[in-house]
Amino acid sequence: MVVALTEVMPSDVRTAGFSLAYSLATTVGGFTPGIATYLIHSTGNKAAPGLWKSVAAVCGLIATLVLYRTEQARNQYRTA
């Protein structure tokens, strides 16, 4: 996704856009141990952190589908 993220941004804002996206992902990912602990404590189920991972996987899947479902993206990778 690193390459895809840098390719979808205009070159004049690429550094700022990529660093913002990376920082947000790192921040949200940094809360994973706390969220996992909370889920185990609130549900009593030691497999509850799998819900958090499933939500993250669905978010990634949706983002990938949205990114590569545009006509421009299909044409770009068809010619490559």
PDB file of N, CA and C in Angstrom:
ATOM      1  N   MET A   1       0.812  -1.190   0.000  1.00  0.00           N
ATOM      2  CA  MET A   1       0.000   0.000   0.000  1.00  0.00           C
ATOM      3  C   MET A   1       0.858   1.258   0.000  1.00  0.00           C
ATOM      4  N   VAL A   2       2.129   1.147   0.354  1.00  0.00           N
ATOM      5  CA  VAL A   2       2.986   2.328   0.364  1.00  0.00           C
ATOM      6  C   VAL A   2       3.087   2.917  -1.036  1.00  0.00           C
ATOM      7  N   VAL A   3       3.312   2.076  -2.012  1.00  0.00           N
ATOM      8  CA  VAL A   3       3.430   2.555  -3.385  1.00  0.00           C
ATOM      9  C   VAL A   3       2.102   3.121  -3.864  1.00  0.00           C
ATOM     10  N   ALA A   4       1.015   2.439  -3.591  1.00  0.00           N
ATOM     11  CA  ALA A   4      -0.296   2.914  -4.019  1.00  0.00           C
ATOM     12  C   ALA A   4      -0.631   4.253  -3.380  1.00  0.00           C
ATOM     13  N   LEU A   5      -0.299   4.410  -2.118  1.00  0.00           N
ATOM     14  CA  LEU A   5      -0.587   5.660  -1.426  1.00  0.00           C
ATOM     15  C   LEU A   5       0.176   6.826  -2.034  1.00  0.00           C
ATOM     16  N   THR A   6       1.414   6.611  -2.391  1.00  0.00           N
ATOM     17  CA  THR A   6       2.188   7.705  -2.969  1.00  0.00           C
ATOM     18  C   THR A   6       1.769   7.991  -4.407  1.00  0.00           C
ATOM     19  N   GLU A   7       1.286   6.991  -5.121  1.00  0.00           N
ATOM     20  CA  GLU A   7       0.885   7.213  -6.508  1.00  0.00           C
ATOM     21  C   GLU A   7      -0.436   7.940  -6.643  1.00  0.00           C
ATOM     22  N   VAL A   8      -1.333   7.823  -5.688  1.00  0.00           N
ATOM     23  CA  VAL A   8      -2.635   8.460  -5.816  1.00  0.00           C
ATOM     24  C   VAL A   8      -2.630   9.927  -5.408  1.00  0.00           C
ATOM     25  N   MET A   9      -1.555  10.393  -4.810  1.00  0.00           N
ATOM     26  CA  MET A   9      -1.484  11.783  -4.367  1.00  0.00           C
ATOM     27  C   MET A   9      -0.747  12.637  -5.384  1.00  0.00           C
ATOM     28  N   PRO A  10      -1.211  13.871  -5.566  1.00  0.00           N
ATOM     29  CA  PRO A  10      -0.482  14.776  -6.462  1.00  0.00           C
ATOM     30  C   PRO A  10       0.932  15.021  -5.941  1.00  0.00           C
ATOM     31  N   SER A  11       1.855  15.224  -6.841  1.00  0.00           N
ATOM     32  CA  SER A  11       3.265  15.327  -6.441  1.00  0.00           C
ATOM     33  C   SER A  11       3.549  16.525  -5.545  1.00  0.00           C
ATOM     34  N   ASP A  12       2.775  17.612  -5.649  1.00  0.00           N
ATOM     35  CA  ASP A  12       3.060  18.785  -4.827  1.00  0.00           C
ATOM     36  C   ASP A  12       2.664  18.609  -3.362  1.00  0.00           C
ATOM     37  N   VAL A  13       1.805  17.633  -3.049  1.00  0.00           N
ATOM     38  CA  VAL A  13       1.419  17.382  -1.653  1.00  0.00           C
ATOM     39  C   VAL A  13       1.730  15.950  -1.231  1.00  0.00           C
ATOM     40  N   ARG A  14       2.517  15.247  -2.009  1.00  0.00           N
ATOM     41  CA  ARG A  14       2.767  13.827  -1.758  1.00  0.00           C
ATOM     42  C   ARG A  14       3.435  13.585  -0.405  1.00  0.00           C
ATOM     43  N   THR A  15       4.436  14.356  -0.072  1.00  0.00           N
ATOM     44  CA  THR A  15       5.142  14.142   1.196  1.00  0.00           C
ATOM     45  C   THR A  15       4.229  14.396   2.382  1.00  0.00           C
ATOM     46  N   ALA A  16       3.512  15.502   2.363  1.00  0.00           N
ATOM     47  CA  ALA A  16       2.615  15.831   3.474  1.00  0.00           C
ATOM     48  C   ALA A  16       1.469  14.816   3.568  1.00  0.00           C
ATOM     49  N   GLY A  17       0.897  14.451   2.447  1.00  0.00           N
ATOM     50  CA  GLY A  17      -0.217  13.498   2.457  1.00  0.00           C
ATOM     51  C   GLY A  17       0.201  12.123   2.939  1.00  0.00           C
ATOM     52  N   PHE A  18       1.346  11.653   2.455  1.00  0.00           N
ATOM     53  CA  PHE A  18       1.812  10.333   2.875  1.00  0.00           C
ATOM     54  C   PHE A  18       2.173  10.333   4.354  1.00  0.00           C
ATOM     55  N   SER A  19       2.848  11.382   4.821  1.00  0.00           N
ATOM     56  CA  SER A  19       3.241  11.413   6.233  1.00  0.00           C
ATOM     57  C   SER A  19       2.014  11.500   7.143  1.00  0.00           C
ATOM     58  N   LEU A  20       0.973  12.215   6.696  1.00  0.00           N
ATOM     59  CA  LEU A  20      -0.250  12.282   7.497  1.00  0.00           C
ATOM     60  C   LEU A  20      -0.927  10.916   7.565  1.00  0.00           C
ATOM     61  N   ALA A  21      -1.040  10.248   6.423  1.00  0.00           N
ATOM     62  CA  ALA A  21      -1.670   8.921   6.400  1.00  0.00           C
ATOM     63  C   ALA A  21      -0.872   7.927   7.244  1.00  0.00           C
ATOM     64  N   TYR A  22       0.442   7.966   7.121  1.00  0.00           N
ATOM     65  CA  TYR A  22       1.289   7.049   7.891  1.00  0.00           C
ATOM     66  C   TYR A  22       1.178   7.336   9.391  1.00  0.00           C
ATOM     67  N   SER A  23       1.182   8.609   9.759  1.00  0.00           N
ATOM     68  CA  SER A  23       1.078   8.975  11.175  1.00  0.00           C
ATOM     69  C   SER A  23      -0.256   8.546  11.766  1.00  0.00           C
ATOM     70  N   LEU A  24      -1.333   8.723  11.023  1.00  0.00           N
ATOM     71  CA  LEU A  24      -2.642   8.294  11.518  1.00  0.00           C
ATOM     72  C   LEU A  24      -2.701   6.780  11.692  1.00  0.00           C
ATOM     73  N   ALA A  25      -2.160   6.053  10.727  1.00  0.00           N
ATOM     74  CA  ALA A  25      -2.157   4.592  10.833  1.00  0.00           C
ATOM     75  C   ALA A  25      -1.324   4.125  12.024  1.00  0.00           C
ATOM     76  N   THR A  26      -0.198   4.770  12.254  1.00  0.00           N
ATOM     77  CA  THR A  26       0.657   4.407  13.387  1.00  0.00           C
ATOM     78  C   THR A  26      -0.023   4.734  14.709  1.00  0.00           C
ATOM     79  N   THR A  27      -0.716   5.862  14.753  1.00  0.00           N
ATOM     80  CA  THR A  27      -1.409   6.256  15.982  1.00  0.00           C
ATOM     81  C   THR A  27      -2.530   5.275  16.312  1.00  0.00           C
ATOM     82  N   VAL A  28      -3.365   4.971  15.335  1.00  0.00           N
ATOM     83  CA  VAL A  28      -4.468   4.041  15.571  1.00  0.00           C
ATOM     84  C   VAL A  28      -3.916   2.653  15.911  1.00  0.00           C
ATOM     85  N   GLY A  29      -2.893   2.221  15.200  1.00  0.00           N
ATOM     86  CA  GLY A  29      -2.283   0.922  15.480  1.00  0.00           C
ATOM     87  C   GLY A  29      -1.625   0.866  16.841  1.00  0.00           C
ATOM     88  N   GLY A  30      -1.171   2.002  17.338  1.00  0.00           N
ATOM     89  CA  GLY A  30      -0.548   2.062  18.657  1.00  0.00           C
ATOM     90  C   GLY A  30      -1.519   1.808  19.788  1.00  0.00           C
ATOM     91  N   PHE A  31      -2.793   2.006  19.542  1.00  0.00           N
ATOM     92  CA  PHE A  31      -3.810   1.762  20.556  1.00  0.00           C
ATOM     93  C   PHE A  31      -4.272   0.307  20.591  1.00  0.00           C
ATOM     94  N   THR A  32      -3.745  -0.514  19.706  1.00  0.00           N
ATOM     95  CA  THR A  32      -4.196  -1.900  19.617  1.00  0.00           C
ATOM     96  C   THR A  32      -4.054  -2.677  20.929  1.00  0.00           C
ATOM     97  N   PRO A  33      -2.940  -2.606  21.650  1.00  0.00           N
ATOM     98  CA  PRO A  33      -2.872  -3.345  22.925  1.00  0.00           C
ATOM     99  C   PRO A  33      -3.927  -2.887  23.932  1.00  0.00           C
ATOM    100  N   GLY A  34      -4.174  -1.585  23.986  1.00  0.00           N
ATOM    101  CA  GLY A  34      -5.193  -1.075  24.901  1.00  0.00           C
ATOM    102  C   GLY A  34      -6.592  -1.507  24.503  1.00  0.00           C
ATOM    103  N   ILE A  35      -6.863  -1.463  23.218  1.00  0.00           N
ATOM    104  CA  ILE A  35      -8.175  -1.890  22.723  1.00  0.00           C
ATOM    105  C   ILE A  35      -8.367  -3.383  22.946  1.00  0.00           C
ATOM    106  N   ALA A  36      -7.325  -4.168  22.720  1.00  0.00           N
ATOM    107  CA  ALA A  36      -7.414  -5.618  22.937  1.00  0.00           C
ATOM    108  C   ALA A  36      -7.685  -5.913  24.412  1.00  0.00           C
ATOM    109  N   THR A  37      -7.000  -5.226  25.298  1.00  0.00           N
ATOM    110  CA  THR A  37      -7.217  -5.417  26.738  1.00  0.00           C
ATOM    111  C   THR A  37      -8.636  -5.036  27.120  1.00  0.00           C
ATOM    112  N   TYR A  38      -9.118  -3.915  26.590  1.00  0.00           N
ATOM    113  CA  TYR A  38     -10.481  -3.485  26.880  1.00  0.00           C
ATOM    114  C   TYR A  38     -11.502  -4.509  26.381  1.00  0.00           C
ATOM    115  N   LEU A  39     -11.308  -5.019  25.177  1.00  0.00           N
ATOM    116  CA  LEU A  39     -12.246  -5.997  24.623  1.00  0.00           C
ATOM    117  C   LEU A  39     -12.277  -7.280  25.458  1.00  0.00           C
ATOM    118  N   ILE A  40     -11.117  -7.741  25.883  1.00  0.00           N
ATOM    119  CA  ILE A  40     -11.069  -8.946  26.726  1.00  0.00           C
ATOM    120  C   ILE A  40     -11.772  -8.683  28.057  1.00  0.00           C
ATOM    121  N   HIS A  41     -11.497  -7.515  28.646  1.00  0.00           N
ATOM    122  CA  HIS A  41     -12.084  -7.182  29.944  1.00  0.00           C
ATOM    123  C   HIS A  41     -13.600  -7.012  29.844  1.00  0.00           C
ATOM    124  N   SER A  42     -14.072  -6.346  28.789  1.00  0.00           N
ATOM    125  CA  SER A  42     -15.504  -6.051  28.706  1.00  0.00           C
ATOM    126  C   SER A  42     -16.337  -7.255  28.257  1.00  0.00           C
ATOM    127  N   THR A  43     -15.755  -8.148  27.469  1.00  0.00           N
ATOM    128  CA  THR A  43     -16.527  -9.304  26.999  1.00  0.00           C
ATOM    129  C   THR A  43     -16.237 -10.575  27.784  1.00  0.00           C
ATOM    130  N   GLY A  44     -15.065 -10.658  28.398  1.00  0.00           N
ATOM    131  CA  GLY A  44     -14.682 -11.876  29.097  1.00  0.00           C
ATOM    132  C   GLY A  44     -14.200 -12.962  28.147  1.00  0.00           C
ATOM    133  N   ASN A  45     -14.069 -12.632  26.888  1.00  0.00           N
ATOM    134  CA  ASN A  45     -13.659 -13.587  25.869  1.00  0.00           C
ATOM    135  C   ASN A  45     -12.234 -13.252  25.428  1.00  0.00           C
ATOM    136  N   LYS A  46     -11.328 -14.207  25.589  1.00  0.00           N
ATOM    137  CA  LYS A  46      -9.932 -13.946  25.231  1.00  0.00           C
ATOM    138  C   LYS A  46      -9.703 -13.872  23.726  1.00  0.00           C
ATOM    139  N   ALA A  47     -10.696 -14.268  22.940  1.00  0.00           N
ATOM    140  CA  ALA A  47     -10.590 -14.174  21.481  1.00  0.00           C
ATOM    141  C   ALA A  47     -11.182 -12.869  20.947  1.00  0.00           C
ATOM    142  N   ALA A  48     -11.662 -11.998  21.816  1.00  0.00           N
ATOM    143  CA  ALA A  48     -12.307 -10.745  21.402  1.00  0.00           C
ATOM    144  C   ALA A  48     -11.387  -9.818  20.593  1.00  0.00           C
ATOM    145  N   PRO A  49     -10.071  -9.800  20.823  1.00  0.00           N
ATOM    146  CA  PRO A  49      -9.235  -8.937  19.983  1.00  0.00           C
ATOM    147  C   PRO A  49      -9.299  -9.295  18.494  1.00  0.00           C
ATOM    148  N   GLY A  50      -9.754 -10.495  18.186  1.00  0.00           N
ATOM    149  CA  GLY A  50      -9.958 -10.856  16.793  1.00  0.00           C
ATOM    150  C   GLY A  50     -10.991  -9.957  16.128  1.00  0.00           C
ATOM    151  N   LEU A  51     -11.930  -9.437  16.903  1.00  0.00           N
ATOM    152  CA  LEU A  51     -12.899  -8.490  16.365  1.00  0.00           C
ATOM    153  C   LEU A  51     -12.199  -7.215  15.885  1.00  0.00           C
ATOM    154  N   TRP A  52     -11.277  -6.731  16.683  1.00  0.00           N
ATOM    155  CA  TRP A  52     -10.511  -5.525  16.322  1.00  0.00           C
ATOM    156  C   TRP A  52      -9.709  -5.773  15.052  1.00  0.00           C
ATOM    157  N   LYS A  53      -9.087  -6.926  14.951  1.00  0.00           N
ATOM    158  CA  LYS A  53      -8.319  -7.257  13.752  1.00  0.00           C
ATOM    159  C   LYS A  53      -9.239  -7.413  12.546  1.00  0.00           C
ATOM    160  N   SER A  54     -10.426  -7.964  12.761  1.00  0.00           N
ATOM    161  CA  SER A  54     -11.386  -8.119  11.667  1.00  0.00           C
ATOM    162  C   SER A  54     -11.866  -6.764  11.162  1.00  0.00           C
ATOM    163  N   VAL A  55     -12.106  -5.834  12.062  1.00  0.00           N
ATOM    164  CA  VAL A  55     -12.507  -4.485  11.666  1.00  0.00           C
ATOM    165  C   VAL A  55     -11.388  -3.818  10.865  1.00  0.00           C
ATOM    166  N   ALA A  56     -10.154  -3.986  11.303  1.00  0.00           N
ATOM    167  CA  ALA A  56      -9.024  -3.414  10.572  1.00  0.00           C
ATOM    168  C   ALA A  56      -8.894  -4.037   9.181  1.00  0.00           C
ATOM    169  N   ALA A  57      -9.116  -5.335   9.085  1.00  0.00           N
ATOM    170  CA  ALA A  57      -9.027  -6.009   7.788  1.00  0.00           C
ATOM    171  C   ALA A  57     -10.122  -5.533   6.839  1.00  0.00           C
ATOM    172  N   VAL A  58     -11.333  -5.365   7.353  1.00  0.00           N
ATOM    173  CA  VAL A  58     -12.435  -4.881   6.512  1.00  0.00           C
ATOM    174  C   VAL A  58     -12.161  -3.458   6.040  1.00  0.00           C
ATOM    175  N   CYS A  59     -11.632  -2.614   6.926  1.00  0.00           N
ATOM    176  CA  CYS A  59     -11.283  -1.241   6.529  1.00  0.00           C
ATOM    177  C   CYS A  59     -10.231  -1.239   5.422  1.00  0.00           C
ATOM    178  N   GLY A  60      -9.234  -2.087   5.546  1.00  0.00           N
ATOM    179  CA  GLY A  60      -8.207  -2.185   4.510  1.00  0.00           C
ATOM    180  C   GLY A  60      -8.753  -2.695   3.198  1.00  0.00           C
ATOM    181  N   LEU A  61      -9.646  -3.666   3.258  1.00  0.00           N
ATOM    182  CA  LEU A  61     -10.263  -4.204   2.050  1.00  0.00           C
ATOM    183  C   LEU A  61     -11.110  -3.153   1.346  1.00  0.00           C
ATOM    184  N   ILE A  62     -11.904  -2.430   2.104  1.00  0.00           N
ATOM    185  CA  ILE A  62     -12.738  -1.376   1.519  1.00  0.00           C
ATOM    186  C   ILE A  62     -11.877  -0.290   0.888  1.00  0.00           C
ATOM    187  N   ALA A  63     -10.816   0.107   1.585  1.00  0.00           N
ATOM    188  CA  ALA A  63      -9.927   1.140   1.036  1.00  0.00           C
ATOM    189  C   ALA A  63      -9.278   0.675  -0.262  1.00  0.00           C
ATOM    190  N   THR A  64      -8.859  -0.566  -0.312  1.00  0.00           N
ATOM    191  CA  THR A  64      -8.232  -1.096  -1.528  1.00  0.00           C
ATOM    192  C   THR A  64      -9.234  -1.168  -2.668  1.00  0.00           C
ATOM    193  N   LEU A  65     -10.436  -1.615  -2.390  1.00  0.00           N
ATOM    194  CA  LEU A  65     -11.455  -1.695  -3.436  1.00  0.00           C
ATOM    195  C   LEU A  65     -11.818  -0.317  -3.967  1.00  0.00           C
ATOM    196  N   VAL A  66     -11.957   0.649  -3.079  1.00  0.00           N
ATOM    197  CA  VAL A  66     -12.278   2.009  -3.513  1.00  0.00           C
ATOM    198  C   VAL A  66     -11.134   2.587  -4.335  1.00  0.00           C
ATOM    199  N   LEU A  67      -9.917   2.339  -3.923  1.00  0.00           N
ATOM    200  CA  LEU A  67      -8.754   2.896  -4.609  1.00  0.00           C
ATOM    201  C   LEU A  67      -8.602   2.334  -6.010  1.00  0.00           C
ATOM    202  N   TYR A  68      -8.806   1.052  -6.181  1.00  0.00           N
ATOM    203  CA  TYR A  68      -8.544   0.418  -7.470  1.00  0.00           C
ATOM    204  C   TYR A  68      -9.794   0.171  -8.301  1.00  0.00           C
ATOM    205  N   ARG A  69     -10.942   0.651  -7.886  1.00  0.00           N
ATOM    206  CA  ARG A  69     -12.162   0.470  -8.665  1.00  0.00           C
ATOM    207  C   ARG A  69     -12.455   1.659  -9.577  1.00  0.00           C
ATOM    208  N   THR A  70     -11.610   2.659  -9.601  1.00  0.00           N
ATOM    209  CA  THR A  70     -11.834   3.795 -10.484  1.00  0.00           C
ATOM    210  C   THR A  70     -11.354   3.471 -11.886  1.00  0.00           C
ATOM    211  N   GLU A  71     -11.923   4.101 -12.858  1.00  0.00           N
ATOM    212  CA  GLU A  71     -11.553   3.872 -14.253  1.00  0.00           C
ATOM    213  C   GLU A  71     -10.097   4.259 -14.502  1.00  0.00           C
ATOM    214  N   GLN A  72      -9.662   5.348 -13.899  1.00  0.00           N
ATOM    215  CA  GLN A  72      -8.277   5.802 -14.090  1.00  0.00           C
ATOM    216  C   GLN A  72      -7.303   4.765 -13.551  1.00  0.00           C
ATOM    217  N   ALA A  73      -7.580   4.187 -12.396  1.00  0.00           N
ATOM    218  CA  ALA A  73      -6.675   3.185 -11.817  1.00  0.00           C
ATOM    219  C   ALA A  73      -6.627   1.931 -12.672  1.00  0.00           C
ATOM    220  N   ARG A  74      -7.772   1.508 -13.172  1.00  0.00           N
ATOM    221  CA  ARG A  74      -7.781   0.318 -14.020  1.00  0.00           C
ATOM    222  C   ARG A  74      -6.975   0.552 -15.290  1.00  0.00           C
ATOM    223  N   ASN A  75      -7.115   1.719 -15.885  1.00  0.00           N
ATOM    224  CA  ASN A  75      -6.362   2.028 -17.100  1.00  0.00           C
ATOM    225  C   ASN A  75      -4.874   2.163 -16.817  1.00  0.00           C
ATOM    226  N   GLN A  76      -4.522   2.729 -15.670  1.00  0.00           N
ATOM    227  CA  GLN A  76      -3.107   2.912 -15.330  1.00  0.00           C
ATOM    228  C   GLN A  76      -2.403   1.567 -15.191  1.00  0.00           C
ATOM    229  N   TYR A  77      -3.022   0.614 -14.532  1.00  0.00           N
ATOM    230  CA  TYR A  77      -2.361  -0.669 -14.296  1.00  0.00           C
ATOM    231  C   TYR A  77      -2.526  -1.634 -15.464  1.00  0.00           C
ATOM    232  N   ARG A  78      -3.456  -1.348 -16.352  1.00  0.00           N
ATOM    233  CA  ARG A  78      -3.598  -2.168 -17.542  1.00  0.00           C
ATOM    234  C   ARG A  78      -2.467  -1.922 -18.519  1.00  0.00           C
ATOM    235  N   THR A  79      -1.982  -0.671 -18.578  1.00  0.00           N
ATOM    236  CA  THR A  79      -0.918  -0.322 -19.514  1.00  0.00           C
ATOM    237  C   THR A  79       0.456  -0.595 -18.939  1.00  0.00           C
ATOM    238  N   ALA A  80       0.535  -0.775 -17.625  1.00  0.00           N
ATOM    239  CA  ALA A  80       1.851  -0.971 -16.991  1.00  0.00           C
ATOM    240  C   ALA A  80       2.409  -2.345 -17.248  1.00  0.00           C
TER     241      ALA A  80
END
